[in-house]
Amino acid sequence: MIGELFEEELYDSARVEIEHLDDRRRPLPVQDWLASRPGDTGLLDHCQGATLDVGSGPGRLTAALAHRGTPVLGIDAAPRAVALAIAAGAPTLCRDVFGRVPGAGRWRTILLADGNIGIGGDPDPAALLRRVLRLLGPGGQVLTEVDPPGTSSRTESLRLRSARAIGDWFPWAHVSTDGADALAASCDAAVTERWEEADRWFVALRGRQPAPHFPGNVMEANRTPHAESVINDAHNEVPPIDTRNWVDGRSSGSDRRALQAPTPWANRLRAP
């Protein structure tokens, strides 16, 4: 029901609200996810090498990275969001981050933007952080958006509702900038950087493992075929489909997963 209500607003422009246990309601900020937001630029600038955008939604960050020429893959559990992402030129798969993810153990950067550190259906955000850390290669980083300083880390129950339907309650975790160190330490990781842009706060985390040795400088290493090979694996696992086959966000085929390769580095992956 969570995904259905989310997709209802994406496609039908229905007014979907987030409801709190104390009866407070606020609009689901779908419009923020459909176009570039202030603060996105710095986050994108921090992405190094092959990047996995977890909870990519309609794909604004995935598409932006692809247009920069960065090897990138978005994953989201909502089929209609995946269809929109593909239409925007974002290489995307319909996947659960706790399921099978291509390139596991080799990603250089993983994005958890727009509060996605709270996803996963577990009241403890450490479960998601441990999962994405396992998807990284040696020396890789997690970039996550967090709540401002002075706020508290907490988990609350939320549900989505519209005029047509009311969803079930689900746990959502909030991680504050101040609480990021403790969360990282509980996952055998460390915060390596904090920054603020346009009243949004971000942290970079790395696991406590030695960084790999690359010949030349880091920027050269990020452009080596190794980065492309991660995306190559994703492409080989799930062949591209024609997005025109999507009707109401669902594939006409038996497999709703989709991957599009719109950028020059990805075009080479289509060669036999």
Protein backbone atom coordinates (compact mmCIF):
# COMPACT_ATOMS: atom_id res chain seq x y z
CA MET A 1 0.00 0.00 0.00
CA ILE A 2 2.92 2.38 0.68
CA GLY A 3 4.16 2.00 -2.87
CA GLU A 4 0.68 2.21 -4.34
CA LEU A 5 -0.06 5.53 -2.63
CA PHE A 6 3.36 6.89 -3.61
CA GLU A 7 2.72 5.93 -7.23
CA GLU A 8 -0.81 7.37 -7.04
CA GLU A 9 0.65 10.82 -6.53
CA LEU A 10 3.37 10.29 -9.12
CA TYR A 11 0.92 9.40 -11.87
CA ASP A 12 -2.46 10.75 -10.85
CA SER A 13 -1.41 13.97 -9.09
CA ALA A 14 -3.53 12.82 -6.15
CA ARG A 15 -2.97 14.60 -2.87
CA VAL A 16 -1.14 12.09 -0.70
CA GLU A 17 -0.24 13.01 2.85
CA ILE A 18 2.13 11.66 5.48
CA GLU A 19 0.27 11.08 8.74
CA HIS A 20 1.90 10.94 12.19
CA LEU A 21 0.60 9.09 15.24
CA ASP A 22 -0.44 12.41 16.81
CA ASP A 23 -2.71 13.12 13.80
CA ARG A 24 -0.35 15.68 12.26
CA ARG A 25 -0.31 15.54 8.47
CA ARG A 26 1.97 16.97 5.82
CA PRO A 27 2.05 16.60 2.04
CA LEU A 28 4.18 13.82 0.58
CA PRO A 29 6.96 15.90 -1.04
CA VAL A 30 6.84 14.17 -4.43
CA GLN A 31 7.57 17.39 -6.33
CA ASP A 32 10.93 17.62 -4.55
CA TRP A 33 11.85 14.24 -6.04
CA LEU A 34 10.89 15.07 -9.61
CA ALA A 35 13.30 17.94 -10.33
CA SER A 36 16.69 19.17 -9.21
CA ARG A 37 16.69 20.57 -5.66
CA PRO A 38 18.98 23.15 -4.05
CA GLY A 39 21.74 21.15 -2.40
CA ASP A 40 21.82 18.44 -5.05
CA THR A 41 24.92 19.83 -6.74
CA GLY A 42 27.24 19.33 -3.79
CA LEU A 43 25.90 15.83 -3.23
CA LEU A 44 26.51 14.89 -6.85
CA ASP A 45 29.99 16.43 -6.72
CA HIS A 46 30.86 14.05 -3.86
CA CYS A 47 30.01 10.94 -5.91
CA GLN A 48 33.14 9.03 -6.90
CA GLY A 49 33.26 6.21 -9.40
CA ALA A 50 30.46 3.70 -9.96
CA THR A 51 27.49 4.94 -7.91
CA LEU A 52 24.40 3.11 -6.66
CA ASP A 53 21.40 5.38 -5.93
CA VAL A 54 19.29 3.51 -3.35
CA GLY A 55 15.61 4.49 -3.27
CA SER A 56 16.13 6.45 -6.48
CA GLY A 57 12.42 7.20 -6.99
CA PRO A 58 11.70 9.09 -10.23
CA GLY A 59 15.45 9.24 -10.81
CA ARG A 60 16.48 12.88 -10.61
CA LEU A 61 19.88 12.12 -9.02
CA THR A 62 20.47 8.98 -11.08
CA ALA A 63 19.72 10.87 -14.30
CA ALA A 64 21.91 13.81 -13.26
CA LEU A 65 24.86 11.50 -12.64
CA ALA A 66 24.28 9.67 -15.92
CA HIS A 67 24.24 12.97 -17.79
CA ARG A 68 27.56 13.85 -16.13
CA GLY A 69 29.02 10.62 -17.50
CA THR A 70 29.27 8.95 -14.08
CA PRO A 71 28.65 5.16 -14.11
CA VAL A 72 25.44 4.95 -12.08
CA LEU A 73 22.53 2.64 -11.34
CA GLY A 74 19.33 3.50 -9.48
CA ILE A 75 17.23 0.96 -7.62
CA ASP A 76 13.70 1.45 -6.30
CA ALA A 77 10.91 -0.92 -5.27
CA ALA A 78 8.14 1.13 -6.95
CA PRO A 79 7.60 0.07 -10.60
CA ARG A 80 6.00 3.35 -11.66
CA ALA A 81 8.86 5.37 -10.16
CA VAL A 82 11.29 3.15 -12.08
CA ALA A 83 9.36 3.81 -15.31
CA LEU A 84 9.59 7.58 -14.75
CA ALA A 85 13.31 7.30 -13.99
CA ILE A 86 13.96 5.38 -17.19
CA ALA A 87 11.98 7.94 -19.20
CA ALA A 88 14.24 10.64 -17.69
CA GLY A 89 17.36 8.81 -18.89
CA ALA A 90 18.24 7.22 -15.56
CA PRO A 91 19.59 3.62 -15.65
CA THR A 92 17.30 1.99 -13.08
CA LEU A 93 16.18 -1.41 -11.80
CA CYS A 94 13.08 -2.29 -9.80
CA ARG A 95 14.80 -3.82 -6.81
CA ASP A 96 14.67 -4.03 -3.01
CA VAL A 97 18.01 -3.00 -1.49
CA PHE A 98 17.79 -6.03 0.81
CA GLY A 99 17.41 -8.34 -2.20
CA ARG A 100 19.83 -9.18 -4.99
CA VAL A 101 21.70 -6.07 -6.12
CA PRO A 102 24.08 -6.11 -9.12
CA GLY A 103 27.70 -5.19 -8.42
CA ALA A 104 27.49 -6.14 -4.73
CA GLY A 105 30.84 -5.60 -3.06
CA ARG A 106 32.21 -3.31 -5.77
CA TRP A 107 30.32 0.00 -5.68
CA ARG A 108 32.49 3.05 -5.00
CA THR A 109 29.63 5.30 -3.83
CA ILE A 110 26.15 4.59 -2.51
CA LEU A 111 23.59 7.39 -2.25
CA LEU A 112 20.89 7.56 0.44
CA ALA A 113 19.36 10.95 -0.35
CA ASP A 114 16.08 12.62 0.65
CA GLY A 115 15.96 10.93 4.05
CA ASN A 116 16.37 7.43 2.60
CA ILE A 117 18.49 6.41 5.57
CA GLY A 118 15.05 5.81 7.13
CA ILE A 119 13.87 3.21 4.60
CA GLY A 120 14.02 -0.54 4.98
CA GLY A 121 11.05 -1.41 7.17
CA ASP A 122 13.23 -1.79 10.25
CA PRO A 123 13.04 0.53 13.24
CA ASP A 124 16.85 0.48 13.47
CA PRO A 125 18.57 2.45 10.66
CA ALA A 126 21.73 0.44 11.36
CA ALA A 127 20.17 -2.49 9.48
CA LEU A 128 20.07 -0.48 6.24
CA LEU A 129 23.50 1.05 6.80
CA ARG A 130 25.08 -2.36 7.39
CA ARG A 131 23.45 -3.62 4.21
CA VAL A 132 24.72 -0.81 1.99
CA LEU A 133 28.20 -1.00 3.52
CA ARG A 134 28.32 -4.62 2.38
CA LEU A 135 27.49 -3.48 -1.17
CA LEU A 136 30.54 -1.19 -1.28
CA GLY A 137 33.95 -2.10 -2.59
CA PRO A 138 37.07 -1.50 -0.46
CA GLY A 139 37.45 2.20 0.29
CA GLY A 140 33.91 2.97 -0.91
CA GLN A 141 31.67 5.57 0.68
CA VAL A 142 28.04 6.05 1.66
CA LEU A 143 26.61 9.54 1.16
CA THR A 144 23.47 10.11 3.16
CA GLU A 145 21.21 13.05 3.94
CA VAL A 146 20.55 13.57 7.64
CA ASP A 147 18.52 15.84 9.90
CA PRO A 148 20.01 19.19 11.02
CA PRO A 149 22.22 19.59 14.10
CA GLY A 150 20.29 20.02 17.33
CA THR A 151 17.63 17.49 16.36
CA SER A 152 17.39 14.00 17.83
CA SER A 153 17.77 10.66 16.09
CA ARG A 154 14.56 8.73 16.49
CA THR A 155 12.16 6.27 14.90
CA GLU A 156 8.48 7.08 14.46
CA SER A 157 5.44 5.40 12.95
CA LEU A 158 3.99 6.96 9.81
CA ARG A 159 1.41 6.10 7.21
CA LEU A 160 0.34 7.50 3.85
CA ARG A 161 -3.20 8.49 3.09
CA SER A 162 -5.20 10.02 0.27
CA ALA A 163 -8.88 10.56 -0.44
CA ARG A 164 -8.94 7.06 -1.97
CA ALA A 165 -7.00 4.96 0.54
CA ILE A 166 -5.20 4.85 3.88
CA GLY A 167 -1.99 2.85 4.17
CA ASP A 168 -0.67 0.76 7.04
CA TRP A 169 1.60 2.19 9.70
CA PHE A 170 5.33 1.68 9.04
CA PRO A 171 8.49 2.64 10.95
CA TRP A 172 10.62 5.50 9.65
CA ALA A 173 14.01 6.37 11.10
CA HIS A 174 15.42 9.87 11.43
CA VAL A 175 19.18 10.28 11.85
CA SER A 176 20.51 13.62 13.02
CA THR A 177 23.84 15.10 12.05
CA ASP A 178 24.82 14.85 15.72
CA GLY A 179 23.89 11.18 15.89
CA ALA A 180 25.65 10.09 12.69
CA ASP A 181 28.90 9.19 14.47
CA ALA A 182 27.21 6.79 16.87
CA LEU A 183 25.25 5.17 14.06
CA ALA A 184 28.39 4.74 11.97
CA ALA A 185 30.33 3.27 14.89
CA SER A 186 27.59 0.71 15.52
CA CYS A 187 28.15 -0.51 11.94
CA ASP A 188 31.96 -0.57 12.14
CA ALA A 189 32.15 2.57 10.02
CA ALA A 190 33.12 6.20 10.53
CA VAL A 191 31.88 9.62 9.42
CA THR A 192 34.57 11.12 7.20
CA GLU A 193 32.88 14.38 6.19
CA ARG A 194 29.91 16.59 6.97
CA TRP A 195 28.54 19.45 4.92
CA GLU A 196 25.52 21.71 4.61
CA GLU A 197 24.04 23.19 1.46
CA ALA A 198 20.74 24.99 1.00
CA ASP A 199 19.63 24.08 4.55
CA ARG A 200 20.19 20.39 3.83
CA TRP A 201 22.73 18.35 5.79
CA PHE A 202 24.82 15.45 4.51
CA VAL A 203 27.47 13.07 5.83
CA ALA A 204 29.93 10.74 4.14
CA LEU A 205 30.68 7.41 5.83
CA ARG A 206 33.27 4.75 5.14
CA GLY A 207 33.71 1.30 6.54
CA ARG A 208 36.77 0.61 8.70
CA GLN A 209 38.70 -1.22 6.01
CA PRO A 210 41.87 -0.32 4.12
CA ALA A 211 41.38 1.65 0.93
CA PRO A 212 42.50 -0.07 -2.26
CA HIS A 213 45.66 1.04 -4.04
CA PHE A 214 45.03 2.64 -7.41
CA PRO A 215 47.71 3.65 -9.91
CA GLY A 216 47.71 7.38 -10.53
CA ASN A 217 45.37 9.77 -8.80
CA VAL A 218 41.89 9.08 -7.48
CA MET A 219 40.12 10.77 -10.38
CA GLU A 220 41.95 8.50 -12.82
CA ALA A 221 40.98 5.47 -10.73
CA ASN A 222 37.34 6.49 -10.83
CA ARG A 223 37.43 6.44 -14.62
CA THR A 224 39.05 3.03 -15.03
CA PRO A 225 37.17 0.15 -16.71
CA HIS A 226 36.60 -1.27 -13.20
CA ALA A 227 33.87 1.33 -12.61
CA GLU A 228 32.24 0.50 -15.92
CA SER A 229 32.42 -3.23 -15.21
CA VAL A 230 30.05 -2.85 -12.27
CA ILE A 231 27.43 -1.33 -14.55
CA ASN A 232 28.28 -3.90 -17.20
CA ASP A 233 27.30 -6.65 -14.77
CA ALA A 234 23.98 -4.91 -14.09
CA HIS A 235 23.31 -4.60 -17.80
CA ASN A 236 24.10 -8.25 -18.48
CA GLU A 237 21.87 -9.40 -15.61
CA VAL A 238 18.79 -7.49 -16.76
CA PRO A 239 18.53 -6.65 -20.48
CA PRO A 240 17.13 -3.23 -21.38
CA ILE A 241 13.44 -3.04 -22.24
CA ASP A 242 11.55 -0.55 -24.33
CA THR A 243 9.89 1.83 -21.87
CA ARG A 244 7.03 2.29 -24.32
CA ASN A 245 5.90 -1.17 -23.19
CA TRP A 246 5.13 0.23 -19.75
CA VAL A 247 1.43 0.80 -19.19
CA ASP A 248 0.43 2.49 -15.93
CA GLY A 249 3.98 1.90 -14.73
CA ARG A 250 3.94 -1.86 -15.32
CA SER A 251 5.85 -3.82 -17.92
CA SER A 252 3.89 -5.69 -20.55
CA GLY A 253 6.45 -8.50 -20.19
CA SER A 254 6.89 -10.97 -17.40
CA ASP A 255 9.74 -9.01 -15.83
CA ARG A 256 9.10 -5.51 -14.47
CA ARG A 257 12.78 -4.84 -13.95
CA ALA A 258 14.26 -2.29 -16.34
CA LEU A 259 17.63 -0.82 -17.21
CA GLN A 260 18.38 1.83 -19.79
CA ALA A 261 21.85 2.90 -20.86
CA PRO A 262 21.59 6.52 -22.08
CA THR A 263 25.19 7.74 -21.70
CA PRO A 264 28.28 7.25 -23.91
CA TRP A 265 30.02 4.86 -21.46
CA ALA A 266 26.82 2.83 -21.19
CA ASN A 267 26.18 2.76 -24.93
CA ARG A 268 29.22 0.50 -25.25
CA LEU A 269 27.49 -2.03 -23.01
CA ARG A 270 24.89 -2.64 -25.71
CA ALA A 271 27.46 -4.01 -28.12
CA PRO A 272 27.30 -7.81 -28.55
